[in-house]
Amino acid sequence: MNKPIFDVTRFDIEQEIMEIGSFVNILKQYADAIYDGQYVSTSEDDIHTTLHGFANLLDSHLDRMMESHCKHYCLNQYSENVFDDK
């Protein structure tokens, strides 16, 4: 069995979920700034690139949350192999 270096607790998973809530607020502020004219971009490409950057950040966070989930519930590479011939 591959044990993780650090145990993942319920607190760790809750913290990762709360971080998404903070990121939602950042996205809303960005959208409001664009809508209100506070953020004036020189091109639509700037906004497109920014939104893709946000998507990449969320993808990265999703990967971290899935890793924590697998560690906490001993799934995938963290599961005990009951068919191991040791």
PDB file of N, CA and C in Angstrom:
ATOM      1  N   MET A   1       0.835  -1.173   0.000  1.00  0.00           N
ATOM      2  CA  MET A   1       0.000   0.000   0.000  1.00  0.00           C
ATOM      3  C   MET A   1       0.885   1.243   0.000  1.00  0.00           C
ATOM      4  N   ASN A   2       0.560   2.204  -0.831  1.00  0.00           N
ATOM      5  CA  ASN A   2       1.275   3.471  -0.858  1.00  0.00           C
ATOM      6  C   ASN A   2       0.613   4.438   0.113  1.00  0.00           C
ATOM      7  N   LYS A   3       1.276   4.704   1.231  1.00  0.00           N
ATOM      8  CA  LYS A   3       0.729   5.648   2.203  1.00  0.00           C
ATOM      9  C   LYS A   3       1.175   7.052   1.832  1.00  0.00           C
ATOM     10  N   PRO A   4       0.253   8.010   1.917  1.00  0.00           N
ATOM     11  CA  PRO A   4       0.661   9.391   1.676  1.00  0.00           C
ATOM     12  C   PRO A   4       1.612   9.864   2.766  1.00  0.00           C
ATOM     13  N   ILE A   5       2.444  10.818   2.437  1.00  0.00           N
ATOM     14  CA  ILE A   5       3.387  11.351   3.414  1.00  0.00           C
ATOM     15  C   ILE A   5       2.639  12.016   4.559  1.00  0.00           C
ATOM     16  N   PHE A   6       1.598  12.791   4.221  1.00  0.00           N
ATOM     17  CA  PHE A   6       0.789  13.469   5.228  1.00  0.00           C
ATOM     18  C   PHE A   6      -0.636  12.966   5.121  1.00  0.00           C
ATOM     19  N   ASP A   7      -1.236  12.687   6.256  1.00  0.00           N
ATOM     20  CA  ASP A   7      -2.635  12.288   6.262  1.00  0.00           C
ATOM     21  C   ASP A   7      -3.501  13.482   5.881  1.00  0.00           C
ATOM     22  N   VAL A   8      -4.570  13.204   5.151  1.00  0.00           N
ATOM     23  CA  VAL A   8      -5.532  14.228   4.786  1.00  0.00           C
ATOM     24  C   VAL A   8      -6.727  14.081   5.718  1.00  0.00           C
ATOM     25  N   THR A   9      -7.093  15.178   6.338  1.00  0.00           N
ATOM     26  CA  THR A   9      -8.202  15.163   7.282  1.00  0.00           C
ATOM     27  C   THR A   9      -9.428  15.826   6.664  1.00  0.00           C
ATOM     28  N   ARG A  10     -10.514  15.712   7.375  1.00  0.00           N
ATOM     29  CA  ARG A  10     -11.749  16.386   6.955  1.00  0.00           C
ATOM     30  C   ARG A  10     -11.510  17.886   6.838  1.00  0.00           C
ATOM     31  N   PHE A  11     -10.701  18.442   7.758  1.00  0.00           N
ATOM     32  CA  PHE A  11     -10.398  19.864   7.724  1.00  0.00           C
ATOM     33  C   PHE A  11      -9.723  20.260   6.415  1.00  0.00           C
ATOM     34  N   ASP A  12      -8.790  19.437   5.944  1.00  0.00           N
ATOM     35  CA  ASP A  12      -8.088  19.731   4.692  1.00  0.00           C
ATOM     36  C   ASP A  12      -9.065  19.813   3.519  1.00  0.00           C
ATOM     37  N   ILE A  13      -9.977  18.870   3.463  1.00  0.00           N
ATOM     38  CA  ILE A  13     -10.947  18.852   2.371  1.00  0.00           C
ATOM     39  C   ILE A  13     -11.898  20.044   2.492  1.00  0.00           C
ATOM     40  N   GLU A  14     -12.346  20.351   3.704  1.00  0.00           N
ATOM     41  CA  GLU A  14     -13.222  21.509   3.904  1.00  0.00           C
ATOM     42  C   GLU A  14     -12.507  22.802   3.513  1.00  0.00           C
ATOM     43  N   GLN A  15     -11.230  22.902   3.834  1.00  0.00           N
ATOM     44  CA  GLN A  15     -10.453  24.088   3.488  1.00  0.00           C
ATOM     45  C   GLN A  15     -10.381  24.256   1.973  1.00  0.00           C
ATOM     46  N   GLU A  16     -10.176  23.186   1.248  1.00  0.00           N
ATOM     47  CA  GLU A  16     -10.109  23.259  -0.209  1.00  0.00           C
ATOM     48  C   GLU A  16     -11.442  23.685  -0.800  1.00  0.00           C
ATOM     49  N   ILE A  17     -12.530  23.222  -0.213  1.00  0.00           N
ATOM     50  CA  ILE A  17     -13.859  23.628  -0.684  1.00  0.00           C
ATOM     51  C   ILE A  17     -14.060  25.120  -0.420  1.00  0.00           C
ATOM     52  N   MET A  18     -13.658  25.594   0.752  1.00  0.00           N
ATOM     53  CA  MET A  18     -13.803  27.009   1.081  1.00  0.00           C
ATOM     54  C   MET A  18     -12.971  27.889   0.141  1.00  0.00           C
ATOM     55  N   GLU A  19     -11.822  27.395  -0.288  1.00  0.00           N
ATOM     56  CA  GLU A  19     -10.985  28.153  -1.211  1.00  0.00           C
ATOM     57  C   GLU A  19     -11.701  28.394  -2.537  1.00  0.00           C
ATOM     58  N   ILE A  20     -12.516  27.457  -2.954  1.00  0.00           N
ATOM     59  CA  ILE A  20     -13.286  27.652  -4.182  1.00  0.00           C
ATOM     60  C   ILE A  20     -14.268  28.803  -3.992  1.00  0.00           C
ATOM     61  N   GLY A  21     -14.880  28.905  -2.815  1.00  0.00           N
ATOM     62  CA  GLY A  21     -15.786  30.016  -2.535  1.00  0.00           C
ATOM     63  C   GLY A  21     -15.082  31.356  -2.651  1.00  0.00           C
ATOM     64  N   SER A  22     -13.852  31.441  -2.173  1.00  0.00           N
ATOM     65  CA  SER A  22     -13.074  32.674  -2.296  1.00  0.00           C
ATOM     66  C   SER A  22     -12.797  32.987  -3.760  1.00  0.00           C
ATOM     67  N   PHE A  23     -12.491  31.968  -4.524  1.00  0.00           N
ATOM     68  CA  PHE A  23     -12.203  32.175  -5.938  1.00  0.00           C
ATOM     69  C   PHE A  23     -13.451  32.633  -6.688  1.00  0.00           C
ATOM     70  N   VAL A  24     -14.614  32.128  -6.292  1.00  0.00           N
ATOM     71  CA  VAL A  24     -15.875  32.569  -6.889  1.00  0.00           C
ATOM     72  C   VAL A  24     -16.037  34.071  -6.688  1.00  0.00           C
ATOM     73  N   ASN A  25     -15.717  34.560  -5.506  1.00  0.00           N
ATOM     74  CA  ASN A  25     -15.818  35.999  -5.239  1.00  0.00           C
ATOM     75  C   ASN A  25     -14.869  36.793  -6.133  1.00  0.00           C
ATOM     76  N   ILE A  26     -13.680  36.293  -6.351  1.00  0.00           N
ATOM     77  CA  ILE A  26     -12.725  36.960  -7.244  1.00  0.00           C
ATOM     78  C   ILE A  26     -13.285  37.035  -8.657  1.00  0.00           C
ATOM     79  N   LEU A  27     -13.863  35.945  -9.140  1.00  0.00           N
ATOM     80  CA  LEU A  27     -14.449  35.937 -10.478  1.00  0.00           C
ATOM     81  C   LEU A  27     -15.600  36.936 -10.591  1.00  0.00           C
ATOM     82  N   LYS A  28     -16.444  36.997  -9.564  1.00  0.00           N
ATOM     83  CA  LYS A  28     -17.554  37.944  -9.573  1.00  0.00           C
ATOM     84  C   LYS A  28     -17.054  39.386  -9.597  1.00  0.00           C
ATOM     85  N   GLN A  29     -16.007  39.673  -8.831  1.00  0.00           N
ATOM     86  CA  GLN A  29     -15.445  41.025  -8.820  1.00  0.00           C
ATOM     87  C   GLN A  29     -14.884  41.390 -10.190  1.00  0.00           C
ATOM     88  N   TYR A  30     -14.238  40.442 -10.836  1.00  0.00           N
ATOM     89  CA  TYR A  30     -13.689  40.670 -12.177  1.00  0.00           C
ATOM     90  C   TYR A  30     -14.824  40.941 -13.161  1.00  0.00           C
ATOM     91  N   ALA A  31     -15.875  40.127 -13.101  1.00  0.00           N
ATOM     92  CA  ALA A  31     -17.021  40.306 -13.993  1.00  0.00           C
ATOM     93  C   ALA A  31     -17.685  41.658 -13.750  1.00  0.00           C
ATOM     94  N   ASP A  32     -17.853  42.038 -12.491  1.00  0.00           N
ATOM     95  CA  ASP A  32     -18.461  43.328 -12.168  1.00  0.00           C
ATOM     96  C   ASP A  32     -17.606  44.493 -12.666  1.00  0.00           C
ATOM     97  N   ALA A  33     -16.287  44.372 -12.526  1.00  0.00           N
ATOM     98  CA  ALA A  33     -15.390  45.435 -12.982  1.00  0.00           C
ATOM     99  C   ALA A  33     -15.485  45.613 -14.493  1.00  0.00           C
ATOM    100  N   ILE A  34     -15.602  44.527 -15.223  1.00  0.00           N
ATOM    101  CA  ILE A  34     -15.756  44.617 -16.676  1.00  0.00           C
ATOM    102  C   ILE A  34     -17.107  45.241 -17.017  1.00  0.00           C
ATOM    103  N   TYR A  35     -18.148  44.770 -16.354  1.00  0.00           N
ATOM    104  CA  TYR A  35     -19.512  45.241 -16.626  1.00  0.00           C
ATOM    105  C   TYR A  35     -19.662  46.730 -16.301  1.00  0.00           C
ATOM    106  N   ASP A  36     -19.075  47.152 -15.176  1.00  0.00           N
ATOM    107  CA  ASP A  36     -19.188  48.539 -14.738  1.00  0.00           C
ATOM    108  C   ASP A  36     -18.235  49.481 -15.469  1.00  0.00           C
ATOM    109  N   GLY A  37     -17.368  48.939 -16.298  1.00  0.00           N
ATOM    110  CA  GLY A  37     -16.426  49.774 -17.035  1.00  0.00           C
ATOM    111  C   GLY A  37     -15.204  50.158 -16.240  1.00  0.00           C
ATOM    112  N   GLN A  38     -15.024  49.555 -15.062  1.00  0.00           N
ATOM    113  CA  GLN A  38     -13.842  49.852 -14.242  1.00  0.00           C
ATOM    114  C   GLN A  38     -12.594  49.219 -14.847  1.00  0.00           C
ATOM    115  N   TYR A  39     -12.773  48.117 -15.525  1.00  0.00           N
ATOM    116  CA  TYR A  39     -11.660  47.446 -16.196  1.00  0.00           C
ATOM    117  C   TYR A  39     -11.884  47.600 -17.692  1.00  0.00           C
ATOM    118  N   VAL A  40     -11.031  48.342 -18.320  1.00  0.00           N
ATOM    119  CA  VAL A  40     -11.150  48.559 -19.763  1.00  0.00           C
ATOM    120  C   VAL A  40      -9.968  47.868 -20.421  1.00  0.00           C
ATOM    121  N   SER A  41     -10.291  46.867 -21.207  1.00  0.00           N
ATOM    122  CA  SER A  41      -9.256  46.087 -21.867  1.00  0.00           C
ATOM    123  C   SER A  41      -8.964  46.688 -23.234  1.00  0.00           C
ATOM    124  N   THR A  42      -7.724  46.533 -23.662  1.00  0.00           N
ATOM    125  CA  THR A  42      -7.362  47.006 -24.995  1.00  0.00           C
ATOM    126  C   THR A  42      -7.883  46.079 -26.074  1.00  0.00           C
ATOM    127  N   SER A  43      -8.214  44.841 -25.688  1.00  0.00           N
ATOM    128  CA  SER A  43      -8.742  43.902 -26.681  1.00  0.00           C
ATOM    129  C   SER A  43      -9.574  42.827 -25.994  1.00  0.00           C
ATOM    130  N   GLU A  44     -10.433  42.207 -26.774  1.00  0.00           N
ATOM    131  CA  GLU A  44     -11.211  41.085 -26.251  1.00  0.00           C
ATOM    132  C   GLU A  44     -10.312  39.906 -25.920  1.00  0.00           C
ATOM    133  N   ASP A  45      -9.168  39.834 -26.590  1.00  0.00           N
ATOM    134  CA  ASP A  45      -8.221  38.754 -26.312  1.00  0.00           C
ATOM    135  C   ASP A  45      -7.719  38.796 -24.870  1.00  0.00           C
ATOM    136  N   ASP A  46      -7.552  40.002 -24.310  1.00  0.00           N
ATOM    137  CA  ASP A  46      -7.100  40.121 -22.915  1.00  0.00           C
ATOM    138  C   ASP A  46      -8.090  39.449 -21.966  1.00  0.00           C
ATOM    139  N   ILE A  47      -9.364  39.733 -22.167  1.00  0.00           N
ATOM    140  CA  ILE A  47     -10.394  39.142 -21.313  1.00  0.00           C
ATOM    141  C   ILE A  47     -10.443  37.632 -21.524  1.00  0.00           C
ATOM    142  N   HIS A  48     -10.365  37.207 -22.775  1.00  0.00           N
ATOM    143  CA  HIS A  48     -10.372  35.777 -23.102  1.00  0.00           C
ATOM    144  C   HIS A  48      -9.206  35.065 -22.428  1.00  0.00           C
ATOM    145  N   THR A  49      -8.032  35.652 -22.511  1.00  0.00           N
ATOM    146  CA  THR A  49      -6.840  35.063 -21.899  1.00  0.00           C
ATOM    147  C   THR A  49      -6.981  35.008 -20.383  1.00  0.00           C
ATOM    148  N   THR A  50      -7.523  36.070 -19.794  1.00  0.00           N
ATOM    149  CA  THR A  50      -7.728  36.096 -18.346  1.00  0.00           C
ATOM    150  C   THR A  50      -8.679  34.995 -17.915  1.00  0.00           C
ATOM    151  N   LEU A  51      -9.768  34.841 -18.632  1.00  0.00           N
ATOM    152  CA  LEU A  51     -10.736  33.804 -18.278  1.00  0.00           C
ATOM    153  C   LEU A  51     -10.147  32.405 -18.433  1.00  0.00           C
ATOM    154  N   HIS A  52      -9.328  32.206 -19.461  1.00  0.00           N
ATOM    155  CA  HIS A  52      -8.649  30.912 -19.594  1.00  0.00           C
ATOM    156  C   HIS A  52      -7.669  30.686 -18.453  1.00  0.00           C
ATOM    157  N   GLY A  53      -7.027  31.744 -17.998  1.00  0.00           N
ATOM    158  CA  GLY A  53      -6.139  31.635 -16.846  1.00  0.00           C
ATOM    159  C   GLY A  53      -6.904  31.216 -15.599  1.00  0.00           C
ATOM    160  N   PHE A  54      -8.078  31.817 -15.405  1.00  0.00           N
ATOM    161  CA  PHE A  54      -8.923  31.421 -14.277  1.00  0.00           C
ATOM    162  C   PHE A  54      -9.315  29.947 -14.390  1.00  0.00           C
ATOM    163  N   ALA A  55      -9.656  29.523 -15.597  1.00  0.00           N
ATOM    164  CA  ALA A  55     -10.026  28.118 -15.804  1.00  0.00           C
ATOM    165  C   ALA A  55      -8.853  27.201 -15.461  1.00  0.00           C
ATOM    166  N   ASN A  56      -7.642  27.599 -15.826  1.00  0.00           N
ATOM    167  CA  ASN A  56      -6.462  26.795 -15.496  1.00  0.00           C
ATOM    168  C   ASN A  56      -6.259  26.719 -13.986  1.00  0.00           C
ATOM    169  N   LEU A  57      -6.503  27.817 -13.280  1.00  0.00           N
ATOM    170  CA  LEU A  57      -6.393  27.795 -11.821  1.00  0.00           C
ATOM    171  C   LEU A  57      -7.410  26.837 -11.213  1.00  0.00           C
ATOM    172  N   LEU A  58      -8.633  26.860 -11.722  1.00  0.00           N
ATOM    173  CA  LEU A  58      -9.660  25.946 -11.214  1.00  0.00           C
ATOM    174  C   LEU A  58      -9.312  24.495 -11.523  1.00  0.00           C
ATOM    175  N   ASP A  59      -8.772  24.227 -12.723  1.00  0.00           N
ATOM    176  CA  ASP A  59      -8.335  22.866 -13.068  1.00  0.00           C
ATOM    177  C   ASP A  59      -7.276  22.375 -12.090  1.00  0.00           C
ATOM    178  N   SER A  60      -6.331  23.246 -11.769  1.00  0.00           N
ATOM    179  CA  SER A  60      -5.272  22.887 -10.826  1.00  0.00           C
ATOM    180  C   SER A  60      -5.849  22.598  -9.444  1.00  0.00           C
ATOM    181  N   HIS A  61      -6.784  23.423  -9.016  1.00  0.00           N
ATOM    182  CA  HIS A  61      -7.410  23.211  -7.708  1.00  0.00           C
ATOM    183  C   HIS A  61      -8.222  21.915  -7.706  1.00  0.00           C
ATOM    184  N   LEU A  62      -8.895  21.644  -8.797  1.00  0.00           N
ATOM    185  CA  LEU A  62      -9.657  20.398  -8.924  1.00  0.00           C
ATOM    186  C   LEU A  62      -8.736  19.189  -8.784  1.00  0.00           C
ATOM    187  N   ASP A  63      -7.576  19.241  -9.414  1.00  0.00           N
ATOM    188  CA  ASP A  63      -6.617  18.139  -9.296  1.00  0.00           C
ATOM    189  C   ASP A  63      -6.192  17.941  -7.842  1.00  0.00           C
ATOM    190  N   ARG A  64      -5.936  19.053  -7.137  1.00  0.00           N
ATOM    191  CA  ARG A  64      -5.527  18.961  -5.737  1.00  0.00           C
ATOM    192  C   ARG A  64      -6.653  18.395  -4.876  1.00  0.00           C
ATOM    193  N   MET A  65      -7.878  18.804  -5.141  1.00  0.00           N
ATOM    194  CA  MET A  65      -9.010  18.283  -4.373  1.00  0.00           C
ATOM    195  C   MET A  65      -9.199  16.789  -4.628  1.00  0.00           C
ATOM    196  N   MET A  66      -9.040  16.357  -5.874  1.00  0.00           N
ATOM    197  CA  MET A  66      -9.193  14.938  -6.189  1.00  0.00           C
ATOM    198  C   MET A  66      -8.098  14.122  -5.508  1.00  0.00           C
ATOM    199  N   GLU A  67      -6.887  14.653  -5.479  1.00  0.00           N
ATOM    200  CA  GLU A  67      -5.784  13.973  -4.793  1.00  0.00           C
ATOM    201  C   GLU A  67      -6.087  13.835  -3.299  1.00  0.00           C
ATOM    202  N   SER A  68      -6.592  14.897  -2.683  1.00  0.00           N
ATOM    203  CA  SER A  68      -6.957  14.850  -1.268  1.00  0.00           C
ATOM    204  C   SER A  68      -8.067  13.833  -1.030  1.00  0.00           C
ATOM    205  N   HIS A  69      -9.030  13.813  -1.914  1.00  0.00           N
ATOM    206  CA  HIS A  69     -10.142  12.854  -1.824  1.00  0.00           C
ATOM    207  C   HIS A  69      -9.605  11.425  -1.864  1.00  0.00           C
ATOM    208  N   CYS A  70      -8.708  11.160  -2.809  1.00  0.00           N
ATOM    209  CA  CYS A  70      -8.144   9.809  -2.944  1.00  0.00           C
ATOM    210  C   CYS A  70      -7.318   9.424  -1.723  1.00  0.00           C
ATOM    211  N   LYS A  71      -6.561  10.365  -1.177  1.00  0.00           N
ATOM    212  CA  LYS A  71      -5.769  10.085   0.019  1.00  0.00           C
ATOM    213  C   LYS A  71      -6.679   9.798   1.215  1.00  0.00           C
ATOM    214  N   HIS A  72      -7.682  10.646   1.389  1.00  0.00           N
ATOM    215  CA  HIS A  72      -8.557  10.527   2.562  1.00  0.00           C
ATOM    216  C   HIS A  72      -9.333   9.211   2.551  1.00  0.00           C
ATOM    217  N   TYR A  73      -9.809   8.801   1.380  1.00  0.00           N
ATOM    218  CA  TYR A  73     -10.613   7.583   1.280  1.00  0.00           C
ATOM    219  C   TYR A  73      -9.817   6.372   0.791  1.00  0.00           C
ATOM    220  N   CYS A  74      -8.480   6.507   0.757  1.00  0.00           N
ATOM    221  CA  CYS A  74      -7.580   5.409   0.359  1.00  0.00           C
ATOM    222  C   CYS A  74      -8.013   4.813  -0.981  1.00  0.00           C
ATOM    223  N   LEU A  75      -8.101   5.660  -1.987  1.00  0.00           N
ATOM    224  CA  LEU A  75      -8.497   5.235  -3.329  1.00  0.00           C
ATOM    225  C   LEU A  75      -7.301   5.244  -4.270  1.00  0.00           C
ATOM    226  N   ASN A  76      -7.471   4.593  -5.406  1.00  0.00           N
ATOM    227  CA  ASN A  76      -6.468   4.553  -6.475  1.00  0.00           C
ATOM    228  C   ASN A  76      -5.110   4.122  -5.933  1.00  0.00           C
ATOM    229  N   GLN A  77      -4.070   4.926  -6.134  1.00  0.00           N
ATOM    230  CA  GLN A  77      -2.723   4.523  -5.714  1.00  0.00           C
ATOM    231  C   GLN A  77      -2.574   4.471  -4.195  1.00  0.00           C
ATOM    232  N   TYR A  78      -3.542   4.998  -3.457  1.00  0.00           N
ATOM    233  CA  TYR A  78      -3.478   4.981  -1.998  1.00  0.00           C
ATOM    234  C   TYR A  78      -4.269   3.824  -1.386  1.00  0.00           C
ATOM    235  N   SER A  79      -4.858   3.007  -2.227  1.00  0.00           N
ATOM    236  CA  SER A  79      -5.638   1.866  -1.705  1.00  0.00           C
ATOM    237  C   SER A  79      -4.714   0.709  -1.367  1.00  0.00           C
ATOM    238  N   GLU A  80      -5.167  -0.115  -0.458  1.00  0.00           N
ATOM    239  CA  GLU A  80      -4.405  -1.290  -0.101  1.00  0.00           C
ATOM    240  C   GLU A  80      -4.732  -2.370  -1.125  1.00  0.00           C
ATOM    241  N   ASN A  81      -3.727  -2.951  -1.704  1.00  0.00           N
ATOM    242  CA  ASN A  81      -3.928  -3.981  -2.713  1.00  0.00           C
ATOM    243  C   ASN A  81      -4.133  -5.322  -1.995  1.00  0.00           C
ATOM    244  N   VAL A  82      -5.362  -5.790  -1.952  1.00  0.00           N
ATOM    245  CA  VAL A  82      -5.667  -7.023  -1.238  1.00  0.00           C
ATOM    246  C   VAL A  82      -5.177  -8.265  -1.992  1.00  0.00           C
ATOM    247  N   PHE A  83      -4.804  -8.112  -3.244  1.00  0.00           N
ATOM    248  CA  PHE A  83      -4.335  -9.247  -4.039  1.00  0.00           C
ATOM    249  C   PHE A  83      -2.813  -9.293  -4.105  1.00  0.00           C
ATOM    250  N   ASP A  84      -2.157  -8.468  -3.310  1.00  0.00           N
ATOM    251  CA  ASP A  84      -0.703  -8.434  -3.299  1.00  0.00           C
ATOM    252  C   ASP A  84      -0.175  -9.731  -2.715  1.00  0.00           C
ATOM    253  N   ASP A  85       0.850 -10.319  -3.341  1.00  0.00           N
ATOM    254  CA  ASP A  85       1.402 -11.606  -2.925  1.00  0.00           C
ATOM    255  C   ASP A  85       2.507 -11.479  -1.886  1.00  0.00           C
ATOM    256  N   LYS A  86       2.546 -10.420  -1.132  1.00  0.00           N
ATOM    257  CA  LYS A  86       3.603 -10.235  -0.124  1.00  0.00           C
ATOM    258  C   LYS A  86       3.351 -11.082   1.085  1.00  0.00           C
TER     259      LYS A  86
END
